[in-house]
């Protein structure tokens, strides 16, 4: 279990880690993605989806080596940005026996600043070659209309590209019916491309009401 885009494990995750073991005979492993919070990795705050997906598989390996975990009953759970990571993990890592994806982050809606952030990416790549420090942008901003912050970009990450390969691993997708941050219609469309066994739970509210 890990948190969403740029978030750490203490941001809204603890209620899940408490409720799951209280109602089910499970052990919960909650961790920060690399470069974030207490996890190591440089540059700090960097978010690369392929790395975070690989980290899920590393977390599975760690969990399987623990005496309090049944190595043959591994479930991956993700929310927001990590909710699409677990779709890929479940499709390619057959140690996963079930997957729960909550308010999955197929894209955000701030497409108005894509050109600006693409230019920033190009500048950062050139600076990296020159040995300059990594450029950063804010995760959120109180002046998001004028200031670059956490935004979607048309990069190489196809969030639901592997979704049809999850089967025969069981999938539960939890979707907010009024999610404007990660639009509800996109989540439902991606669910339509999954294969059985699967289920979808649509709850009232927006993106953060799932917490």
N, C-alpha and C. Protein backbone atom coordinates (compact mmCIF):
# COMPACT_ATOMS: atom_id res chain seq x y z
N UNK A 1 0.84 -1.18 0.00
CA UNK A 1 0.00 0.00 0.00
C UNK A 1 0.89 1.24 0.00
N UNK A 2 0.61 2.16 -0.92
CA UNK A 2 1.31 3.45 -0.92
C UNK A 2 0.34 4.55 -1.34
N UNK A 3 0.75 5.78 -1.12
CA UNK A 3 -0.13 6.92 -1.34
C UNK A 3 -0.06 7.43 -2.77
N UNK A 4 -0.78 8.52 -3.03
CA UNK A 4 -0.89 9.07 -4.37
C UNK A 4 0.25 10.01 -4.74
N UNK A 5 0.01 10.85 -5.72
CA UNK A 5 1.05 11.67 -6.34
C UNK A 5 1.71 12.61 -5.33
N UNK A 6 3.00 12.38 -5.07
CA UNK A 6 3.76 13.26 -4.20
C UNK A 6 3.39 13.18 -2.73
N UNK A 7 2.50 12.28 -2.37
CA UNK A 7 2.02 12.19 -0.98
C UNK A 7 2.80 11.12 -0.22
N UNK A 8 2.86 11.27 1.10
CA UNK A 8 3.56 10.31 1.93
C UNK A 8 2.57 9.51 2.76
N UNK A 9 3.08 8.51 3.46
CA UNK A 9 2.19 7.52 4.07
C UNK A 9 1.34 8.05 5.21
N UNK A 10 1.72 9.18 5.80
CA UNK A 10 0.93 9.72 6.91
C UNK A 10 -0.19 10.64 6.44
N UNK A 11 -0.32 10.83 5.15
CA UNK A 11 -1.33 11.74 4.62
C UNK A 11 -2.58 10.95 4.22
N UNK A 12 -3.43 10.67 5.21
CA UNK A 12 -4.70 10.02 4.95
C UNK A 12 -4.67 8.51 4.85
N UNK A 13 -3.52 7.89 5.05
CA UNK A 13 -3.41 6.44 4.88
C UNK A 13 -3.64 5.65 6.15
N UNK A 14 -3.37 6.24 7.29
CA UNK A 14 -3.43 5.48 8.55
C UNK A 14 -4.80 4.86 8.83
N UNK A 15 -5.92 5.55 8.52
CA UNK A 15 -7.22 4.89 8.75
C UNK A 15 -7.37 3.57 7.99
N UNK A 16 -6.78 3.48 6.80
CA UNK A 16 -6.85 2.24 6.03
C UNK A 16 -6.01 1.15 6.70
N UNK A 17 -4.82 1.52 7.16
CA UNK A 17 -3.95 0.53 7.79
C UNK A 17 -4.54 0.02 9.09
N UNK A 18 -5.40 0.82 9.72
CA UNK A 18 -6.04 0.40 10.97
C UNK A 18 -7.30 -0.43 10.70
N UNK A 19 -8.07 -0.05 9.71
CA UNK A 19 -9.36 -0.72 9.49
C UNK A 19 -9.20 -2.09 8.85
N UNK A 20 -8.30 -2.21 7.88
CA UNK A 20 -8.16 -3.51 7.22
C UNK A 20 -7.82 -4.63 8.22
N UNK A 21 -6.79 -4.47 9.06
CA UNK A 21 -6.49 -5.56 10.02
C UNK A 21 -7.57 -5.73 11.07
N UNK A 22 -8.34 -4.67 11.36
CA UNK A 22 -9.40 -4.77 12.37
C UNK A 22 -10.56 -5.63 11.88
N UNK A 23 -10.78 -5.66 10.56
CA UNK A 23 -11.93 -6.37 10.02
C UNK A 23 -11.56 -7.62 9.22
N UNK A 24 -10.28 -7.76 8.89
CA UNK A 24 -9.84 -8.90 8.09
C UNK A 24 -8.55 -9.47 8.68
N UNK A 25 -8.30 -10.75 8.49
CA UNK A 25 -7.04 -11.35 8.98
C UNK A 25 -5.88 -11.04 8.04
N UNK A 26 -5.47 -9.77 8.00
CA UNK A 26 -4.43 -9.35 7.07
C UNK A 26 -3.34 -8.58 7.80
N UNK A 27 -2.18 -8.53 7.17
CA UNK A 27 -1.08 -7.67 7.59
C UNK A 27 -0.93 -6.59 6.53
N UNK A 28 -0.81 -5.34 6.95
CA UNK A 28 -0.70 -4.23 6.01
C UNK A 28 0.74 -3.70 5.97
N UNK A 29 1.28 -3.57 4.78
CA UNK A 29 2.58 -2.93 4.59
C UNK A 29 2.34 -1.59 3.89
N UNK A 30 2.60 -0.51 4.60
CA UNK A 30 2.44 0.84 4.07
C UNK A 30 3.82 1.47 3.95
N UNK A 31 4.12 2.03 2.79
CA UNK A 31 5.46 2.60 2.59
C UNK A 31 5.38 3.88 1.77
N UNK A 32 6.42 4.68 1.88
CA UNK A 32 6.57 5.87 1.03
C UNK A 32 7.24 5.48 -0.27
N UNK A 33 6.79 6.07 -1.36
CA UNK A 33 7.49 5.88 -2.62
C UNK A 33 8.90 6.45 -2.53
N UNK A 34 9.79 5.92 -3.34
CA UNK A 34 11.18 6.41 -3.34
C UNK A 34 11.20 7.92 -3.59
N UNK A 35 12.18 8.57 -3.00
CA UNK A 35 12.40 10.02 -3.08
C UNK A 35 11.42 10.84 -2.25
N UNK A 36 10.51 10.17 -1.55
CA UNK A 36 9.50 10.90 -0.80
C UNK A 36 9.51 10.49 0.67
N UNK A 37 9.23 11.45 1.54
CA UNK A 37 9.10 11.16 2.96
C UNK A 37 10.33 10.50 3.54
N UNK A 38 10.11 9.41 4.30
CA UNK A 38 11.22 8.72 4.97
C UNK A 38 11.99 7.80 4.04
N UNK A 39 11.50 7.57 2.83
CA UNK A 39 12.23 6.71 1.89
C UNK A 39 13.43 7.47 1.32
N UNK A 40 14.47 6.72 1.00
CA UNK A 40 15.65 7.36 0.41
C UNK A 40 15.45 7.54 -1.08
N UNK A 41 16.46 8.03 -1.75
CA UNK A 41 16.39 8.26 -3.19
C UNK A 41 16.57 9.72 -3.55
N UNK A 42 17.26 9.96 -4.65
CA UNK A 42 17.52 11.30 -5.17
C UNK A 42 17.13 11.35 -6.63
N UNK A 43 16.74 12.55 -7.12
CA UNK A 43 16.50 13.79 -6.37
C UNK A 43 15.22 13.69 -5.53
N UNK A 44 15.23 14.40 -4.44
CA UNK A 44 14.07 14.37 -3.56
C UNK A 44 12.83 14.88 -4.27
N UNK A 45 11.70 14.28 -3.95
CA UNK A 45 10.38 14.63 -4.48
C UNK A 45 10.17 14.23 -5.94
N UNK A 46 11.15 13.56 -6.56
CA UNK A 46 10.97 13.16 -7.95
C UNK A 46 9.95 12.02 -8.05
N UNK A 47 9.07 12.11 -9.02
CA UNK A 47 8.03 11.10 -9.23
C UNK A 47 8.18 10.53 -10.63
N UNK A 48 8.56 9.25 -10.72
CA UNK A 48 8.67 8.55 -11.99
C UNK A 48 7.81 7.29 -11.88
N UNK A 49 6.74 7.19 -12.64
CA UNK A 49 5.81 6.07 -12.47
C UNK A 49 6.45 4.70 -12.61
N UNK A 50 7.36 4.53 -13.58
CA UNK A 50 7.99 3.22 -13.76
C UNK A 50 8.76 2.80 -12.52
N UNK A 51 9.41 3.77 -11.86
CA UNK A 51 10.14 3.45 -10.63
C UNK A 51 9.19 3.06 -9.51
N UNK A 52 8.08 3.78 -9.41
CA UNK A 52 7.13 3.48 -8.34
C UNK A 52 6.46 2.13 -8.57
N UNK A 53 6.23 1.76 -9.81
CA UNK A 53 5.68 0.45 -10.12
C UNK A 53 6.66 -0.65 -9.72
N UNK A 54 7.94 -0.45 -10.05
CA UNK A 54 8.97 -1.42 -9.66
C UNK A 54 9.06 -1.53 -8.15
N UNK A 55 8.88 -0.41 -7.45
CA UNK A 55 8.95 -0.42 -5.99
C UNK A 55 7.84 -1.26 -5.38
N UNK A 56 6.68 -1.28 -6.02
CA UNK A 56 5.60 -2.16 -5.53
C UNK A 56 6.06 -3.62 -5.52
N UNK A 57 6.71 -4.04 -6.59
CA UNK A 57 7.18 -5.42 -6.65
C UNK A 57 8.25 -5.68 -5.60
N UNK A 58 9.11 -4.68 -5.35
CA UNK A 58 10.11 -4.82 -4.29
C UNK A 58 9.43 -4.93 -2.92
N UNK A 59 8.36 -4.16 -2.73
CA UNK A 59 7.61 -4.22 -1.48
C UNK A 59 6.97 -5.60 -1.30
N UNK A 60 6.50 -6.17 -2.40
CA UNK A 60 5.93 -7.52 -2.33
C UNK A 60 6.98 -8.52 -1.88
N UNK A 61 8.18 -8.41 -2.45
CA UNK A 61 9.27 -9.32 -2.06
C UNK A 61 9.58 -9.18 -0.58
N UNK A 62 9.66 -7.94 -0.10
CA UNK A 62 9.91 -7.72 1.33
C UNK A 62 8.81 -8.33 2.18
N UNK A 63 7.56 -8.11 1.78
CA UNK A 63 6.43 -8.65 2.55
C UNK A 63 6.46 -10.17 2.60
N UNK A 64 6.81 -10.80 1.48
CA UNK A 64 6.82 -12.25 1.43
C UNK A 64 7.85 -12.86 2.37
N UNK A 65 8.88 -12.10 2.69
CA UNK A 65 9.94 -12.60 3.57
C UNK A 65 9.62 -12.41 5.05
N UNK A 66 8.52 -11.74 5.34
CA UNK A 66 8.14 -11.52 6.73
C UNK A 66 7.37 -12.75 7.27
N UNK A 67 7.62 -13.11 8.52
CA UNK A 67 6.95 -14.29 9.09
C UNK A 67 5.45 -14.10 9.31
N UNK A 68 4.99 -12.84 9.36
CA UNK A 68 3.57 -12.58 9.61
C UNK A 68 2.78 -12.42 8.32
N UNK A 69 3.36 -12.78 7.19
CA UNK A 69 2.69 -12.63 5.89
C UNK A 69 2.63 -13.98 5.18
N UNK A 70 1.46 -14.31 4.64
CA UNK A 70 1.30 -15.50 3.81
C UNK A 70 1.75 -15.11 2.40
N UNK A 71 2.89 -15.61 1.98
CA UNK A 71 3.47 -15.18 0.71
C UNK A 71 2.63 -15.52 -0.50
N UNK A 72 1.64 -16.40 -0.32
CA UNK A 72 0.80 -16.79 -1.44
C UNK A 72 -0.53 -16.05 -1.47
N UNK A 73 -0.69 -15.06 -0.57
CA UNK A 73 -1.94 -14.30 -0.52
C UNK A 73 -1.64 -12.80 -0.50
N UNK A 74 -1.02 -12.32 -1.56
CA UNK A 74 -0.61 -10.92 -1.66
C UNK A 74 -1.67 -10.11 -2.39
N UNK A 75 -2.10 -9.02 -1.77
CA UNK A 75 -3.04 -8.08 -2.39
C UNK A 75 -2.36 -6.72 -2.49
N UNK A 76 -2.45 -6.07 -3.64
CA UNK A 76 -1.92 -4.71 -3.77
C UNK A 76 -3.09 -3.72 -3.76
N UNK A 77 -2.88 -2.61 -3.06
CA UNK A 77 -3.89 -1.56 -2.91
C UNK A 77 -3.24 -0.23 -3.26
N UNK A 78 -3.94 0.57 -4.04
CA UNK A 78 -3.41 1.88 -4.39
C UNK A 78 -4.52 2.90 -4.47
N UNK A 79 -4.14 4.15 -4.26
CA UNK A 79 -5.13 5.23 -4.33
C UNK A 79 -4.60 6.35 -5.21
N UNK A 80 -5.48 6.96 -5.99
CA UNK A 80 -5.11 8.08 -6.87
C UNK A 80 -4.00 7.65 -7.84
N UNK A 81 -2.83 8.27 -7.76
CA UNK A 81 -1.74 7.94 -8.68
C UNK A 81 -1.29 6.49 -8.51
N UNK A 82 -1.17 6.04 -7.26
CA UNK A 82 -0.75 4.65 -7.04
C UNK A 82 -1.85 3.67 -7.42
N UNK A 83 -3.09 4.15 -7.56
CA UNK A 83 -4.19 3.27 -7.96
C UNK A 83 -4.02 2.77 -9.38
N UNK A 84 -3.36 3.54 -10.24
CA UNK A 84 -3.08 3.04 -11.58
C UNK A 84 -1.79 2.23 -11.59
N UNK A 85 -0.87 2.54 -10.68
CA UNK A 85 0.33 1.72 -10.58
C UNK A 85 -0.04 0.26 -10.29
N UNK A 86 -0.98 0.06 -9.34
CA UNK A 86 -1.31 -1.31 -8.96
C UNK A 86 -1.97 -2.08 -10.10
N UNK A 87 -2.60 -1.37 -11.04
CA UNK A 87 -3.17 -2.05 -12.20
C UNK A 87 -2.06 -2.68 -13.04
N UNK A 88 -0.97 -1.95 -13.21
CA UNK A 88 0.17 -2.49 -13.96
C UNK A 88 0.85 -3.60 -13.17
N UNK A 89 1.04 -3.38 -11.88
CA UNK A 89 1.69 -4.39 -11.04
C UNK A 89 0.92 -5.70 -11.11
N UNK A 90 -0.40 -5.63 -10.96
CA UNK A 90 -1.21 -6.85 -10.97
C UNK A 90 -1.17 -7.54 -12.32
N UNK A 91 -0.97 -6.77 -13.39
CA UNK A 91 -0.95 -7.35 -14.73
C UNK A 91 0.35 -8.08 -15.02
N UNK A 92 1.45 -7.64 -14.42
CA UNK A 92 2.75 -8.21 -14.78
C UNK A 92 3.40 -9.03 -13.66
N UNK A 93 2.95 -8.87 -12.43
CA UNK A 93 3.55 -9.59 -11.31
C UNK A 93 2.51 -10.60 -10.78
N UNK A 94 2.68 -11.85 -11.15
CA UNK A 94 1.68 -12.86 -10.83
C UNK A 94 1.72 -13.33 -9.38
N UNK A 95 2.60 -12.76 -8.59
CA UNK A 95 2.54 -13.01 -7.15
C UNK A 95 1.32 -12.32 -6.54
N UNK A 96 0.79 -11.33 -7.25
CA UNK A 96 -0.38 -10.60 -6.78
C UNK A 96 -1.63 -11.45 -6.99
N UNK A 97 -2.39 -11.66 -5.91
CA UNK A 97 -3.58 -12.51 -5.98
C UNK A 97 -4.88 -11.72 -5.99
N UNK A 98 -4.80 -10.41 -5.76
CA UNK A 98 -5.97 -9.53 -5.87
C UNK A 98 -5.46 -8.09 -5.89
N UNK A 99 -6.27 -7.20 -6.48
CA UNK A 99 -5.86 -5.80 -6.59
C UNK A 99 -7.05 -4.90 -6.31
N UNK A 100 -6.80 -3.86 -5.51
CA UNK A 100 -7.82 -2.85 -5.20
C UNK A 100 -7.30 -1.50 -5.68
N UNK A 101 -8.06 -0.85 -6.54
CA UNK A 101 -7.66 0.42 -7.14
C UNK A 101 -8.70 1.48 -6.81
N UNK A 102 -8.31 2.47 -6.01
CA UNK A 102 -9.26 3.49 -5.53
C UNK A 102 -9.00 4.84 -6.19
N UNK A 103 -10.04 5.42 -6.79
CA UNK A 103 -9.99 6.73 -7.46
C UNK A 103 -8.74 6.83 -8.34
N UNK A 104 -8.65 5.91 -9.29
CA UNK A 104 -7.42 5.83 -10.07
C UNK A 104 -7.19 7.04 -10.97
N UNK A 105 -5.94 7.37 -11.09
CA UNK A 105 -5.43 8.62 -11.64
C UNK A 105 -5.04 8.43 -13.10
N UNK A 106 -6.02 8.30 -14.00
CA UNK A 106 -5.69 8.10 -15.41
C UNK A 106 -5.22 9.39 -16.07
N UNK A 107 -5.78 10.48 -15.65
CA UNK A 107 -5.27 11.79 -16.04
C UNK A 107 -5.94 12.83 -15.17
N UNK A 108 -5.33 14.01 -15.09
CA UNK A 108 -5.99 15.12 -14.43
C UNK A 108 -6.61 16.01 -15.49
N UNK A 109 -7.19 17.12 -15.07
CA UNK A 109 -7.95 17.94 -16.02
C UNK A 109 -7.26 19.25 -16.38
N UNK A 110 -6.10 19.53 -15.80
CA UNK A 110 -5.43 20.80 -16.08
C UNK A 110 -4.57 20.73 -17.34
N UNK A 111 -5.23 20.61 -18.48
CA UNK A 111 -4.50 20.53 -19.73
C UNK A 111 -4.06 21.90 -20.26
N UNK A 112 -4.48 22.96 -19.58
CA UNK A 112 -4.18 24.30 -20.09
C UNK A 112 -2.71 24.67 -19.95
N UNK A 113 -1.98 23.99 -19.07
CA UNK A 113 -0.58 24.35 -18.86
C UNK A 113 0.38 23.27 -19.35
N UNK A 114 -0.11 22.35 -20.17
CA UNK A 114 0.73 21.26 -20.64
C UNK A 114 1.95 21.77 -21.40
N UNK A 115 1.76 22.76 -22.30
CA UNK A 115 2.88 23.25 -23.09
C UNK A 115 3.96 23.84 -22.20
N UNK A 116 3.55 24.56 -21.16
CA UNK A 116 4.53 25.15 -20.25
C UNK A 116 5.34 24.09 -19.53
N UNK A 117 4.68 23.05 -19.08
CA UNK A 117 5.40 22.04 -18.32
C UNK A 117 6.25 21.17 -19.23
N UNK A 118 5.83 20.99 -20.48
CA UNK A 118 6.68 20.26 -21.43
C UNK A 118 7.98 21.01 -21.67
N UNK A 119 7.90 22.34 -21.78
CA UNK A 119 9.11 23.15 -21.94
C UNK A 119 10.00 23.03 -20.72
N UNK A 120 9.38 22.96 -19.54
CA UNK A 120 10.15 22.80 -18.31
C UNK A 120 10.87 21.45 -18.29
N UNK A 121 10.20 20.40 -18.76
CA UNK A 121 10.83 19.09 -18.84
C UNK A 121 12.05 19.13 -19.75
N UNK A 122 11.91 19.77 -20.92
CA UNK A 122 13.03 19.86 -21.85
C UNK A 122 14.21 20.58 -21.22
N UNK A 123 13.94 21.66 -20.54
CA UNK A 123 15.00 22.43 -19.88
C UNK A 123 15.67 21.61 -18.79
N UNK A 124 14.87 20.84 -18.06
CA UNK A 124 15.42 20.02 -16.98
C UNK A 124 16.31 18.92 -17.52
N UNK A 125 15.91 18.30 -18.62
CA UNK A 125 16.73 17.24 -19.22
C UNK A 125 18.09 17.78 -19.66
N UNK A 126 18.08 18.95 -20.27
CA UNK A 126 19.34 19.55 -20.70
C UNK A 126 20.21 19.91 -19.50
N UNK A 127 19.57 20.43 -18.45
CA UNK A 127 20.32 20.76 -17.25
C UNK A 127 20.92 19.54 -16.59
N UNK A 128 20.21 18.42 -16.64
CA UNK A 128 20.73 17.18 -16.06
C UNK A 128 22.02 16.76 -16.74
N UNK A 129 22.06 16.88 -18.08
CA UNK A 129 23.26 16.52 -18.83
C UNK A 129 24.42 17.44 -18.45
N UNK A 130 24.11 18.70 -18.15
CA UNK A 130 25.15 19.66 -17.77
C UNK A 130 25.54 19.54 -16.30
N UNK A 131 24.91 18.65 -15.58
CA UNK A 131 25.24 18.46 -14.18
C UNK A 131 24.58 19.44 -13.24
N UNK A 132 23.51 20.11 -13.72
CA UNK A 132 22.81 21.08 -12.88
C UNK A 132 21.82 20.38 -11.96
N UNK A 133 21.46 20.99 -10.84
CA UNK A 133 20.46 20.39 -9.93
C UNK A 133 19.13 20.20 -10.64
N UNK A 134 18.39 19.19 -10.23
CA UNK A 134 17.09 18.92 -10.83
C UNK A 134 16.13 20.07 -10.57
N UNK A 135 15.34 20.41 -11.58
CA UNK A 135 14.31 21.43 -11.42
C UNK A 135 13.11 20.81 -10.71
N UNK A 136 12.37 21.61 -10.00
CA UNK A 136 11.18 21.12 -9.30
C UNK A 136 10.01 22.06 -9.55
N UNK A 137 8.81 21.53 -9.34
CA UNK A 137 7.61 22.35 -9.32
C UNK A 137 6.83 21.97 -8.07
N UNK A 138 5.98 22.86 -7.63
CA UNK A 138 5.18 22.58 -6.44
C UNK A 138 4.16 21.49 -6.72
N UNK A 139 3.90 20.69 -5.71
CA UNK A 139 2.86 19.68 -5.86
C UNK A 139 1.48 20.34 -5.93
N UNK A 140 1.26 21.33 -5.07
CA UNK A 140 0.03 22.12 -5.10
C UNK A 140 0.40 23.58 -4.92
N UNK A 141 -0.49 24.47 -5.30
CA UNK A 141 -0.23 25.89 -5.19
C UNK A 141 -1.53 26.63 -4.91
N UNK A 142 -1.43 27.68 -4.09
CA UNK A 142 -2.59 28.53 -3.84
C UNK A 142 -2.86 29.48 -5.00
N UNK A 143 -1.92 29.52 -5.94
CA UNK A 143 -2.05 30.38 -7.12
C UNK A 143 -1.89 29.55 -8.38
N UNK A 144 -2.64 28.46 -8.44
CA UNK A 144 -2.45 27.49 -9.52
C UNK A 144 -2.79 28.03 -10.89
N UNK A 145 -3.54 29.12 -10.95
CA UNK A 145 -3.86 29.70 -12.26
C UNK A 145 -2.64 30.37 -12.89
N UNK A 146 -1.72 30.87 -12.04
CA UNK A 146 -0.54 31.56 -12.55
C UNK A 146 0.75 30.78 -12.35
N UNK A 147 0.74 29.79 -11.46
CA UNK A 147 1.97 29.11 -11.08
C UNK A 147 1.90 27.63 -11.41
N UNK A 148 2.97 27.10 -12.01
CA UNK A 148 3.00 25.68 -12.31
C UNK A 148 2.96 24.87 -11.03
N UNK A 149 2.14 23.84 -11.05
CA UNK A 149 2.08 22.92 -9.91
C UNK A 149 1.83 21.52 -10.45
N UNK A 150 1.49 20.61 -9.59
CA UNK A 150 1.29 19.21 -9.92
C UNK A 150 0.26 19.08 -11.04
N UNK A 151 0.72 18.64 -12.24
CA UNK A 151 -0.15 18.64 -13.42
C UNK A 151 0.05 17.38 -14.24
N UNK A 152 -0.92 17.03 -15.07
CA UNK A 152 -0.75 15.91 -15.99
C UNK A 152 0.07 16.34 -17.19
N UNK A 153 0.76 15.39 -17.77
CA UNK A 153 1.51 15.66 -18.99
C UNK A 153 1.39 14.47 -19.93
N UNK A 154 1.38 14.71 -21.24
CA UNK A 154 1.28 13.61 -22.19
C UNK A 154 2.63 12.93 -22.37
N UNK A 155 3.08 12.20 -21.33
CA UNK A 155 4.38 11.54 -21.44
C UNK A 155 4.19 10.09 -21.85
N UNK A 156 5.16 9.26 -21.56
CA UNK A 156 5.12 7.89 -22.05
C UNK A 156 4.38 6.95 -21.13
N UNK A 157 3.77 7.44 -20.08
CA UNK A 157 3.10 6.57 -19.11
C UNK A 157 1.65 6.36 -19.51
N UNK A 158 1.35 5.19 -20.02
CA UNK A 158 -0.03 4.82 -20.34
C UNK A 158 -0.61 4.15 -19.11
N UNK A 159 -1.37 4.90 -18.34
CA UNK A 159 -1.77 4.44 -17.02
C UNK A 159 -2.56 3.14 -17.02
N UNK A 160 -3.37 2.93 -18.03
CA UNK A 160 -4.18 1.71 -18.05
C UNK A 160 -3.82 0.80 -19.22
N UNK A 161 -2.60 0.92 -19.71
CA UNK A 161 -2.19 0.15 -20.87
C UNK A 161 -2.17 -1.35 -20.69
N UNK A 162 -2.02 -1.79 -19.42
CA UNK A 162 -1.94 -3.23 -19.16
C UNK A 162 -3.21 -3.77 -18.53
N UNK A 163 -4.23 -2.95 -18.44
CA UNK A 163 -5.39 -3.31 -17.62
C UNK A 163 -6.09 -4.58 -18.09
N UNK A 164 -6.04 -4.86 -19.37
CA UNK A 164 -6.71 -6.07 -19.87
C UNK A 164 -5.92 -7.34 -19.59
N UNK A 165 -4.70 -7.18 -19.02
CA UNK A 165 -3.89 -8.35 -18.68
C UNK A 165 -4.00 -8.72 -17.20
N UNK A 166 -4.78 -7.99 -16.43
CA UNK A 166 -4.89 -8.28 -14.99
C UNK A 166 -5.52 -9.65 -14.76
N UNK A 167 -6.58 -9.96 -15.48
CA UNK A 167 -7.25 -11.25 -15.35
C UNK A 167 -6.25 -12.39 -15.59
N UNK A 168 -6.30 -13.45 -14.78
CA UNK A 168 -7.38 -13.89 -13.88
C UNK A 168 -7.27 -13.37 -12.43
N UNK A 169 -6.40 -12.40 -12.18
CA UNK A 169 -6.32 -11.83 -10.84
C UNK A 169 -7.57 -10.99 -10.58
N UNK A 170 -8.26 -11.20 -9.46
CA UNK A 170 -9.48 -10.43 -9.17
C UNK A 170 -9.18 -8.94 -8.98
N UNK A 171 -10.05 -8.10 -9.50
CA UNK A 171 -9.90 -6.64 -9.43
C UNK A 171 -11.13 -6.02 -8.79
N UNK A 172 -10.88 -5.10 -7.84
CA UNK A 172 -11.93 -4.23 -7.32
C UNK A 172 -11.52 -2.80 -7.62
N UNK A 173 -12.36 -2.08 -8.36
CA UNK A 173 -12.10 -0.68 -8.67
C UNK A 173 -13.12 0.18 -7.93
N UNK A 174 -12.63 1.16 -7.15
CA UNK A 174 -13.49 2.07 -6.39
C UNK A 174 -13.42 3.44 -7.04
N UNK A 175 -14.57 3.95 -7.45
CA UNK A 175 -14.64 5.17 -8.26
C UNK A 175 -15.61 6.16 -7.64
N UNK A 176 -15.20 7.42 -7.55
CA UNK A 176 -16.10 8.48 -7.08
C UNK A 176 -16.99 8.94 -8.23
N UNK A 177 -18.28 9.12 -7.96
CA UNK A 177 -19.20 9.44 -9.06
C UNK A 177 -19.10 10.89 -9.53
N UNK A 178 -18.41 11.74 -8.76
CA UNK A 178 -18.24 13.14 -9.17
C UNK A 178 -16.77 13.54 -9.08
N UNK A 179 -15.91 12.67 -9.52
CA UNK A 179 -14.47 12.93 -9.46
C UNK A 179 -14.07 13.84 -10.62
N UNK A 180 -13.72 15.07 -10.30
CA UNK A 180 -13.31 16.03 -11.33
C UNK A 180 -11.79 16.07 -11.49
N UNK A 181 -11.07 15.60 -10.48
CA UNK A 181 -9.61 15.58 -10.56
C UNK A 181 -9.13 14.45 -11.46
N UNK A 182 -9.68 13.26 -11.27
CA UNK A 182 -9.40 12.12 -12.14
C UNK A 182 -10.75 11.62 -12.66
N UNK A 183 -11.19 12.17 -13.79
CA UNK A 183 -12.58 12.06 -14.23
C UNK A 183 -13.20 10.67 -14.16
N UNK A 184 -14.41 10.63 -13.64
CA UNK A 184 -15.14 9.39 -13.43
C UNK A 184 -15.33 8.61 -14.73
N UNK A 185 -15.65 9.31 -15.81
CA UNK A 185 -15.94 8.61 -17.07
C UNK A 185 -14.72 7.85 -17.58
N UNK A 186 -13.53 8.39 -17.35
CA UNK A 186 -12.32 7.71 -17.81
C UNK A 186 -12.07 6.44 -17.00
N UNK A 187 -12.31 6.53 -15.70
CA UNK A 187 -12.14 5.35 -14.85
C UNK A 187 -13.11 4.24 -15.25
N UNK A 188 -14.35 4.62 -15.52
CA UNK A 188 -15.35 3.62 -15.89
C UNK A 188 -15.02 3.01 -17.25
N UNK A 189 -14.53 3.83 -18.17
CA UNK A 189 -14.14 3.31 -19.48
C UNK A 189 -12.99 2.31 -19.34
N UNK A 190 -12.03 2.63 -18.48
CA UNK A 190 -10.91 1.70 -18.29
C UNK A 190 -11.40 0.40 -17.66
N UNK A 191 -12.36 0.51 -16.74
CA UNK A 191 -12.93 -0.69 -16.12
C UNK A 191 -13.59 -1.58 -17.18
N UNK A 192 -14.20 -0.96 -18.17
CA UNK A 192 -14.89 -1.73 -19.21
C UNK A 192 -13.92 -2.59 -20.02
N UNK A 193 -12.64 -2.22 -19.98
CA UNK A 193 -11.63 -2.98 -20.73
C UNK A 193 -11.00 -4.10 -19.91
N UNK A 194 -11.37 -4.19 -18.64
CA UNK A 194 -10.86 -5.28 -17.82
C UNK A 194 -11.67 -6.54 -18.06
N UNK A 195 -11.13 -7.66 -17.62
CA UNK A 195 -11.80 -8.95 -17.80
C UNK A 195 -12.14 -9.54 -16.44
N UNK A 196 -13.04 -10.46 -16.43
CA UNK A 196 -13.43 -11.12 -15.18
C UNK A 196 -12.26 -11.93 -14.60
N UNK A 197 -12.25 -12.09 -13.27
CA UNK A 197 -13.21 -11.61 -12.27
C UNK A 197 -12.93 -10.16 -11.90
N UNK A 198 -13.99 -9.39 -11.78
CA UNK A 198 -13.83 -7.97 -11.48
C UNK A 198 -15.10 -7.44 -10.84
N UNK A 199 -14.96 -6.30 -10.15
CA UNK A 199 -16.12 -5.63 -9.59
C UNK A 199 -15.79 -4.14 -9.49
N UNK A 200 -16.82 -3.31 -9.52
CA UNK A 200 -16.62 -1.87 -9.41
C UNK A 200 -17.57 -1.33 -8.33
N UNK A 201 -17.04 -0.46 -7.49
CA UNK A 201 -17.84 0.18 -6.45
C UNK A 201 -17.81 1.68 -6.71
N UNK A 202 -18.96 2.25 -7.02
CA UNK A 202 -19.06 3.68 -7.30
C UNK A 202 -19.68 4.34 -6.08
N UNK A 203 -18.92 5.23 -5.45
CA UNK A 203 -19.40 5.87 -4.23
C UNK A 203 -19.68 7.35 -4.48
N UNK A 204 -20.56 7.96 -3.70
CA UNK A 204 -20.91 9.37 -3.92
C UNK A 204 -19.78 10.30 -3.48
N UNK A 205 -19.55 11.36 -4.27
CA UNK A 205 -18.57 12.36 -3.87
C UNK A 205 -17.47 12.55 -4.89
N UNK A 206 -16.46 13.31 -4.47
CA UNK A 206 -15.33 13.62 -5.33
C UNK A 206 -14.11 12.78 -5.01
N UNK A 207 -13.00 13.21 -5.59
CA UNK A 207 -11.77 12.43 -5.52
C UNK A 207 -11.34 12.12 -4.08
N UNK A 208 -11.45 13.09 -3.19
CA UNK A 208 -10.94 12.92 -1.84
C UNK A 208 -11.97 12.37 -0.86
N UNK A 209 -13.18 12.13 -1.32
CA UNK A 209 -14.19 11.58 -0.43
C UNK A 209 -13.96 10.10 -0.13
N UNK A 210 -13.11 9.47 -0.90
CA UNK A 210 -12.78 8.08 -0.63
C UNK A 210 -11.92 7.89 0.59
N UNK A 211 -11.40 8.99 1.12
CA UNK A 211 -10.54 8.90 2.30
C UNK A 211 -11.34 9.09 3.59
